[in-house]
Amino acid sequence: MAELAWFKSSHSTNEGAACVEIAWHKSSYSGNEGTACVEVADATAAVLVRDSKDKSGPNLTFTPNEWQAFVRFAATL
């Protein structure tokens, strides 16, 4: 499994209140050359996907069932 990269929410305070962290991991299908890099974070009610080259950019959000269906479909390609 790829190493997890923890990301602290910008809504967390310095005193530790309302701390939220998400563990992102890079897709094993992403190349080492920095092209087509995708990171995924599993949360309780959602799966988040982002471009690892633009970590502050937009994220895609899927329900766990939607993500499982996507992974099953992608495995058939």
PDB file of N, CA and C in Angstrom:
ATOM      1  N   MET A   1       0.842  -1.188   0.000  1.00  0.00           N
ATOM      2  CA  MET A   1       0.000   0.000   0.000  1.00  0.00           C
ATOM      3  C   MET A   1       0.882   1.244   0.000  1.00  0.00           C
ATOM      4  N   ALA A   2       0.428   2.268  -0.681  1.00  0.00           N
ATOM      5  CA  ALA A   2       1.168   3.523  -0.761  1.00  0.00           C
ATOM      6  C   ALA A   2       1.159   4.218   0.600  1.00  0.00           C
ATOM      7  N   GLU A   3       2.184   5.036   0.836  1.00  0.00           N
ATOM      8  CA  GLU A   3       2.268   5.795   2.073  1.00  0.00           C
ATOM      9  C   GLU A   3       1.144   6.827   2.118  1.00  0.00           C
ATOM     10  N   LEU A   4       0.499   6.971   3.284  1.00  0.00           N
ATOM     11  CA  LEU A   4      -0.573   7.943   3.440  1.00  0.00           C
ATOM     12  C   LEU A   4       0.011   9.316   3.735  1.00  0.00           C
ATOM     13  N   ALA A   5      -0.556  10.337   3.139  1.00  0.00           N
ATOM     14  CA  ALA A   5      -0.162  11.719   3.401  1.00  0.00           C
ATOM     15  C   ALA A   5      -1.313  12.391   4.132  1.00  0.00           C
ATOM     16  N   TRP A   6      -1.102  12.782   5.381  1.00  0.00           N
ATOM     17  CA  TRP A   6      -2.161  13.398   6.177  1.00  0.00           C
ATOM     18  C   TRP A   6      -2.272  14.871   5.862  1.00  0.00           C
ATOM     19  N   PHE A   7      -3.491  15.363   5.787  1.00  0.00           N
ATOM     20  CA  PHE A   7      -3.782  16.745   5.454  1.00  0.00           C
ATOM     21  C   PHE A   7      -4.721  17.293   6.514  1.00  0.00           C
ATOM     22  N   LYS A   8      -4.303  18.339   7.226  1.00  0.00           N
ATOM     23  CA  LYS A   8      -5.130  18.946   8.267  1.00  0.00           C
ATOM     24  C   LYS A   8      -6.069  19.977   7.657  1.00  0.00           C
ATOM     25  N   SER A   9      -7.312  19.951   8.060  1.00  0.00           N
ATOM     26  CA  SER A   9      -8.314  20.881   7.549  1.00  0.00           C
ATOM     27  C   SER A   9      -7.940  22.321   7.856  1.00  0.00           C
ATOM     28  N   SER A  10      -8.180  23.207   6.914  1.00  0.00           N
ATOM     29  CA  SER A  10      -7.930  24.631   7.129  1.00  0.00           C
ATOM     30  C   SER A  10      -8.924  25.229   8.121  1.00  0.00           C
ATOM     31  N   HIS A  11      -9.978  24.483   8.459  1.00  0.00           N
ATOM     32  CA  HIS A  11     -10.975  24.956   9.429  1.00  0.00           C
ATOM     33  C   HIS A  11     -10.588  24.614  10.859  1.00  0.00           C
ATOM     34  N   SER A  12      -9.495  23.887  11.062  1.00  0.00           N
ATOM     35  CA  SER A  12      -9.031  23.554  12.401  1.00  0.00           C
ATOM     36  C   SER A  12      -8.337  24.756  13.023  1.00  0.00           C
ATOM     37  N   THR A  13      -8.440  24.878  14.351  1.00  0.00           N
ATOM     38  CA  THR A  13      -7.783  25.985  15.043  1.00  0.00           C
ATOM     39  C   THR A  13      -6.433  25.521  15.573  1.00  0.00           C
ATOM     40  N   ASN A  14      -5.604  26.474  15.989  1.00  0.00           N
ATOM     41  CA  ASN A  14      -4.301  26.140  16.560  1.00  0.00           C
ATOM     42  C   ASN A  14      -4.426  25.471  17.921  1.00  0.00           C
ATOM     43  N   GLU A  15      -5.564  25.630  18.580  1.00  0.00           N
ATOM     44  CA  GLU A  15      -5.775  25.034  19.896  1.00  0.00           C
ATOM     45  C   GLU A  15      -6.257  23.587  19.792  1.00  0.00           C
ATOM     46  N   GLY A  16      -6.428  23.084  18.603  1.00  0.00           N
ATOM     47  CA  GLY A  16      -6.850  21.701  18.428  1.00  0.00           C
ATOM     48  C   GLY A  16      -8.355  21.508  18.320  1.00  0.00           C
ATOM     49  N   ALA A  17      -9.117  22.571  18.437  1.00  0.00           N
ATOM     50  CA  ALA A  17     -10.575  22.448  18.346  1.00  0.00           C
ATOM     51  C   ALA A  17     -10.993  22.165  16.909  1.00  0.00           C
ATOM     52  N   ALA A  18     -11.998  21.358  16.742  1.00  0.00           N
ATOM     53  CA  ALA A  18     -12.576  21.039  15.438  1.00  0.00           C
ATOM     54  C   ALA A  18     -11.534  20.524  14.449  1.00  0.00           C
ATOM     55  N   CYS A  19     -10.586  19.746  14.957  1.00  0.00           N
ATOM     56  CA  CYS A  19      -9.515  19.211  14.107  1.00  0.00           C
ATOM     57  C   CYS A  19     -10.046  18.106  13.197  1.00  0.00           C
ATOM     58  N   VAL A  20      -9.777  18.229  11.941  1.00  0.00           N
ATOM     59  CA  VAL A  20     -10.152  17.204  10.971  1.00  0.00           C
ATOM     60  C   VAL A  20      -8.932  16.921  10.112  1.00  0.00           C
ATOM     61  N   GLU A  21      -8.597  15.659   9.974  1.00  0.00           N
ATOM     62  CA  GLU A  21      -7.490  15.281   9.107  1.00  0.00           C
ATOM     63  C   GLU A  21      -7.974  14.220   8.128  1.00  0.00           C
ATOM     64  N   ILE A  22      -7.474  14.305   6.923  1.00  0.00           N
ATOM     65  CA  ILE A  22      -7.820  13.347   5.877  1.00  0.00           C
ATOM     66  C   ILE A  22      -6.526  12.723   5.385  1.00  0.00           C
ATOM     67  N   ALA A  23      -6.525  11.408   5.242  1.00  0.00           N
ATOM     68  CA  ALA A  23      -5.337  10.710   4.741  1.00  0.00           C
ATOM     69  C   ALA A  23      -5.495  10.473   3.246  1.00  0.00           C
ATOM     70  N   TRP A  24      -4.633  11.092   2.462  1.00  0.00           N
ATOM     71  CA  TRP A  24      -4.619  10.923   1.015  1.00  0.00           C
ATOM     72  C   TRP A  24      -3.584   9.870   0.658  1.00  0.00           C
ATOM     73  N   HIS A  25      -3.877   9.040  -0.315  1.00  0.00           N
ATOM     74  CA  HIS A  25      -2.859   8.127  -0.841  1.00  0.00           C
ATOM     75  C   HIS A  25      -2.895   8.173  -2.363  1.00  0.00           C
ATOM     76  N   LYS A  26      -1.710   8.070  -2.941  1.00  0.00           N
ATOM     77  CA  LYS A  26      -1.558   8.170  -4.391  1.00  0.00           C
ATOM     78  C   LYS A  26      -1.963   6.853  -5.036  1.00  0.00           C
ATOM     79  N   SER A  27      -2.668   6.936  -6.122  1.00  0.00           N
ATOM     80  CA  SER A  27      -3.091   5.751  -6.852  1.00  0.00           C
ATOM     81  C   SER A  27      -1.887   4.937  -7.293  1.00  0.00           C
ATOM     82  N   SER A  28      -1.986   3.626  -7.173  1.00  0.00           N
ATOM     83  CA  SER A  28      -0.895   2.753  -7.631  1.00  0.00           C
ATOM     84  C   SER A  28      -0.770   2.776  -9.146  1.00  0.00           C
ATOM     85  N   TYR A  29      -1.763   3.309  -9.837  1.00  0.00           N
ATOM     86  CA  TYR A  29      -1.725   3.393 -11.302  1.00  0.00           C
ATOM     87  C   TYR A  29      -1.098   4.691 -11.791  1.00  0.00           C
ATOM     88  N   SER A  30      -0.780   5.621 -10.866  1.00  0.00           N
ATOM     89  CA  SER A  30      -0.138   6.874 -11.259  1.00  0.00           C
ATOM     90  C   SER A  30       1.317   6.608 -11.576  1.00  0.00           C
ATOM     91  N   GLY A  31       1.804   7.228 -12.609  1.00  0.00           N
ATOM     92  CA  GLY A  31       3.191   7.032 -13.014  1.00  0.00           C
ATOM     93  C   GLY A  31       4.153   7.812 -12.144  1.00  0.00           C
ATOM     94  N   ASN A  32       5.413   7.444 -12.158  1.00  0.00           N
ATOM     95  CA  ASN A  32       6.446   8.134 -11.396  1.00  0.00           C
ATOM     96  C   ASN A  32       6.902   9.423 -12.063  1.00  0.00           C
ATOM     97  N   GLU A  33       6.520   9.645 -13.304  1.00  0.00           N
ATOM     98  CA  GLU A  33       6.953  10.832 -14.042  1.00  0.00           C
ATOM     99  C   GLU A  33       6.113  12.063 -13.709  1.00  0.00           C
ATOM    100  N   GLY A  34       5.142  11.937 -12.839  1.00  0.00           N
ATOM    101  CA  GLY A  34       4.325  13.080 -12.453  1.00  0.00           C
ATOM    102  C   GLY A  34       3.139  13.329 -13.366  1.00  0.00           C
ATOM    103  N   THR A  35       2.848  12.411 -14.282  1.00  0.00           N
ATOM    104  CA  THR A  35       1.697  12.582 -15.159  1.00  0.00           C
ATOM    105  C   THR A  35       0.551  11.720 -14.661  1.00  0.00           C
ATOM    106  N   ALA A  36      -0.648  12.182 -14.856  1.00  0.00           N
ATOM    107  CA  ALA A  36      -1.859  11.436 -14.519  1.00  0.00           C
ATOM    108  C   ALA A  36      -1.855  10.955 -13.076  1.00  0.00           C
ATOM    109  N   CYS A  37      -1.426  11.801 -12.151  1.00  0.00           N
ATOM    110  CA  CYS A  37      -1.384  11.418 -10.736  1.00  0.00           C
ATOM    111  C   CYS A  37      -2.723  11.702 -10.063  1.00  0.00           C
ATOM    112  N   VAL A  38      -3.231  10.678  -9.406  1.00  0.00           N
ATOM    113  CA  VAL A  38      -4.499  10.786  -8.711  1.00  0.00           C
ATOM    114  C   VAL A  38      -4.289  10.370  -7.269  1.00  0.00           C
ATOM    115  N   GLU A  39      -4.863  11.139  -6.323  1.00  0.00           N
ATOM    116  CA  GLU A  39      -4.835  10.779  -4.910  1.00  0.00           C
ATOM    117  C   GLU A  39      -6.259  10.554  -4.448  1.00  0.00           C
ATOM    118  N   VAL A  40      -6.421   9.615  -3.526  1.00  0.00           N
ATOM    119  CA  VAL A  40      -7.738   9.236  -3.019  1.00  0.00           C
ATOM    120  C   VAL A  40      -7.705   9.282  -1.498  1.00  0.00           C
ATOM    121  N   ALA A  41      -8.800   9.741  -0.894  1.00  0.00           N
ATOM    122  CA  ALA A  41      -8.957   9.728   0.562  1.00  0.00           C
ATOM    123  C   ALA A  41     -10.298   9.091   0.880  1.00  0.00           C
ATOM    124  N   ASP A  42     -10.273   8.107   1.754  1.00  0.00           N
ATOM    125  CA  ASP A  42     -11.509   7.447   2.185  1.00  0.00           C
ATOM    126  C   ASP A  42     -11.995   8.096   3.469  1.00  0.00           C
ATOM    127  N   ALA A  43     -13.200   8.621   3.433  1.00  0.00           N
ATOM    128  CA  ALA A  43     -13.837   9.173   4.624  1.00  0.00           C
ATOM    129  C   ALA A  43     -15.026   8.279   4.962  1.00  0.00           C
ATOM    130  N   THR A  44     -15.680   8.529   6.058  1.00  0.00           N
ATOM    131  CA  THR A  44     -16.777   7.674   6.493  1.00  0.00           C
ATOM    132  C   THR A  44     -17.904   7.609   5.467  1.00  0.00           C
ATOM    133  N   ALA A  45     -18.339   8.760   4.984  1.00  0.00           N
ATOM    134  CA  ALA A  45     -19.499   8.792   4.099  1.00  0.00           C
ATOM    135  C   ALA A  45     -19.150   9.167   2.669  1.00  0.00           C
ATOM    136  N   ALA A  46     -17.858   9.294   2.358  1.00  0.00           N
ATOM    137  CA  ALA A  46     -17.475   9.737   1.019  1.00  0.00           C
ATOM    138  C   ALA A  46     -16.068   9.261   0.677  1.00  0.00           C
ATOM    139  N   VAL A  47     -15.797   9.237  -0.612  1.00  0.00           N
ATOM    140  CA  VAL A  47     -14.450   8.994  -1.128  1.00  0.00           C
ATOM    141  C   VAL A  47     -14.088  10.234  -1.927  1.00  0.00           C
ATOM    142  N   LEU A  48     -12.963  10.843  -1.571  1.00  0.00           N
ATOM    143  CA  LEU A  48     -12.523  12.068  -2.229  1.00  0.00           C
ATOM    144  C   LEU A  48     -11.401  11.742  -3.206  1.00  0.00           C
ATOM    145  N   VAL A  49     -11.392  12.415  -4.343  1.00  0.00           N
ATOM    146  CA  VAL A  49     -10.369  12.205  -5.374  1.00  0.00           C
ATOM    147  C   VAL A  49      -9.860  13.574  -5.802  1.00  0.00           C
ATOM    148  N   ARG A  50      -8.529  13.691  -5.950  1.00  0.00           N
ATOM    149  CA  ARG A  50      -7.942  14.964  -6.387  1.00  0.00           C
ATOM    150  C   ARG A  50      -6.725  14.706  -7.264  1.00  0.00           C
ATOM    151  N   ASP A  51      -6.313  15.743  -7.959  1.00  0.00           N
ATOM    152  CA  ASP A  51      -5.097  15.735  -8.771  1.00  0.00           C
ATOM    153  C   ASP A  51      -3.925  15.995  -7.835  1.00  0.00           C
ATOM    154  N   SER A  52      -2.984  15.072  -7.734  1.00  0.00           N
ATOM    155  CA  SER A  52      -1.869  15.236  -6.797  1.00  0.00           C
ATOM    156  C   SER A  52      -0.944  16.389  -7.180  1.00  0.00           C
ATOM    157  N   LYS A  53      -1.015  16.846  -8.415  1.00  0.00           N
ATOM    158  CA  LYS A  53      -0.191  17.970  -8.845  1.00  0.00           C
ATOM    159  C   LYS A  53      -0.845  19.308  -8.512  1.00  0.00           C
ATOM    160  N   ASP A  54      -2.131  19.289  -8.116  1.00  0.00           N
ATOM    161  CA  ASP A  54      -2.875  20.504  -7.777  1.00  0.00           C
ATOM    162  C   ASP A  54      -3.678  20.233  -6.506  1.00  0.00           C
ATOM    163  N   LYS A  55      -2.979  20.055  -5.383  1.00  0.00           N
ATOM    164  CA  LYS A  55      -3.617  19.638  -4.130  1.00  0.00           C
ATOM    165  C   LYS A  55      -4.628  20.642  -3.601  1.00  0.00           C
ATOM    166  N   SER A  56      -4.496  21.899  -3.947  1.00  0.00           N
ATOM    167  CA  SER A  56      -5.464  22.893  -3.485  1.00  0.00           C
ATOM    168  C   SER A  56      -6.589  23.088  -4.495  1.00  0.00           C
ATOM    169  N   GLY A  57      -6.537  22.355  -5.588  1.00  0.00           N
ATOM    170  CA  GLY A  57      -7.567  22.456  -6.618  1.00  0.00           C
ATOM    171  C   GLY A  57      -8.828  21.709  -6.229  1.00  0.00           C
ATOM    172  N   PRO A  58      -9.735  21.547  -7.159  1.00  0.00           N
ATOM    173  CA  PRO A  58     -11.011  20.905  -6.857  1.00  0.00           C
ATOM    174  C   PRO A  58     -10.857  19.415  -6.553  1.00  0.00           C
ATOM    175  N   ASN A  59     -11.803  18.906  -5.766  1.00  0.00           N
ATOM    176  CA  ASN A  59     -11.880  17.482  -5.449  1.00  0.00           C
ATOM    177  C   ASN A  59     -13.176  16.924  -6.026  1.00  0.00           C
ATOM    178  N   LEU A  60     -13.148  15.676  -6.391  1.00  0.00           N
ATOM    179  CA  LEU A  60     -14.369  14.968  -6.745  1.00  0.00           C
ATOM    180  C   LEU A  60     -14.812  14.208  -5.511  1.00  0.00           C
ATOM    181  N   THR A  61     -16.116  14.114  -5.294  1.00  0.00           N
ATOM    182  CA  THR A  61     -16.649  13.407  -4.135  1.00  0.00           C
ATOM    183  C   THR A  61     -17.609  12.335  -4.609  1.00  0.00           C
ATOM    184  N   PHE A  62     -17.400  11.116  -4.109  1.00  0.00           N
ATOM    185  CA  PHE A  62     -18.234   9.973  -4.450  1.00  0.00           C
ATOM    186  C   PHE A  62     -18.768   9.336  -3.175  1.00  0.00           C
ATOM    187  N   THR A  63     -19.944   8.738  -3.248  1.00  0.00           N
ATOM    188  CA  THR A  63     -20.382   7.892  -2.143  1.00  0.00           C
ATOM    189  C   THR A  63     -19.553   6.615  -2.218  1.00  0.00           C
ATOM    190  N   PRO A  64     -19.434   5.877  -1.113  1.00  0.00           N
ATOM    191  CA  PRO A  64     -18.692   4.615  -1.178  1.00  0.00           C
ATOM    192  C   PRO A  64     -19.218   3.665  -2.257  1.00  0.00           C
ATOM    193  N   ASN A  65     -20.537   3.591  -2.438  1.00  0.00           N
ATOM    194  CA  ASN A  65     -21.113   2.718  -3.470  1.00  0.00           C
ATOM    195  C   ASN A  65     -20.747   3.183  -4.876  1.00  0.00           C
ATOM    196  N   GLU A  66     -20.782   4.510  -5.106  1.00  0.00           N
ATOM    197  CA  GLU A  66     -20.386   5.039  -6.415  1.00  0.00           C
ATOM    198  C   GLU A  66     -18.918   4.735  -6.698  1.00  0.00           C
ATOM    199  N   TRP A  67     -18.063   4.885  -5.690  1.00  0.00           N
ATOM    200  CA  TRP A  67     -16.638   4.628  -5.876  1.00  0.00           C
ATOM    201  C   TRP A  67     -16.390   3.150  -6.179  1.00  0.00           C
ATOM    202  N   GLN A  68     -17.049   2.268  -5.450  1.00  0.00           N
ATOM    203  CA  GLN A  68     -16.889   0.831  -5.699  1.00  0.00           C
ATOM    204  C   GLN A  68     -17.326   0.475  -7.117  1.00  0.00           C
ATOM    205  N   ALA A  69     -18.430   1.073  -7.574  1.00  0.00           N
ATOM    206  CA  ALA A  69     -18.896   0.816  -8.935  1.00  0.00           C
ATOM    207  C   ALA A  69     -17.873   1.324  -9.956  1.00  0.00           C
ATOM    208  N   PHE A  70     -17.289   2.488  -9.717  1.00  0.00           N
ATOM    209  CA  PHE A  70     -16.269   3.023 -10.615  1.00  0.00           C
ATOM    210  C   PHE A  70     -15.043   2.114 -10.654  1.00  0.00           C
ATOM    211  N   VAL A  71     -14.576   1.682  -9.504  1.00  0.00           N
ATOM    212  CA  VAL A  71     -13.391   0.816  -9.449  1.00  0.00           C
ATOM    213  C   VAL A  71     -13.669  -0.519 -10.177  1.00  0.00           C
ATOM    214  N   ARG A  72     -14.852  -1.083  -9.974  1.00  0.00           N
ATOM    215  CA  ARG A  72     -15.210  -2.332 -10.671  1.00  0.00           C
ATOM    216  C   ARG A  72     -15.199  -2.108 -12.180  1.00  0.00           C
ATOM    217  N   PHE A  73     -15.786  -0.990 -12.637  1.00  0.00           N
ATOM    218  CA  PHE A  73     -15.823  -0.687 -14.061  1.00  0.00           C
ATOM    219  C   PHE A  73     -14.416  -0.471 -14.605  1.00  0.00           C
ATOM    220  N   ALA A  74     -13.599   0.298 -13.884  1.00  0.00           N
ATOM    221  CA  ALA A  74     -12.234   0.593 -14.350  1.00  0.00           C
ATOM    222  C   ALA A  74     -11.407  -0.690 -14.454  1.00  0.00           C
ATOM    223  N   ALA A  75     -11.670  -1.649 -13.612  1.00  0.00           N
ATOM    224  CA  ALA A  75     -10.931  -2.917 -13.643  1.00  0.00           C
ATOM    225  C   ALA A  75     -11.234  -3.718 -14.906  1.00  0.00           C
ATOM    226  N   THR A  76     -12.352  -3.438 -15.569  1.00  0.00           N
ATOM    227  CA  THR A  76     -12.714  -4.174 -16.782  1.00  0.00           C
ATOM    228  C   THR A  76     -12.066  -3.589 -18.030  1.00  0.00           C
ATOM    229  N   LEU A  77     -11.478  -2.410 -17.915  1.00  0.00           N
ATOM    230  CA  LEU A  77     -10.889  -1.735 -19.078  1.00  0.00           C
ATOM    231  C   LEU A  77      -9.516  -2.287 -19.411  1.00  0.00           C
TER     232      LEU A  77
END
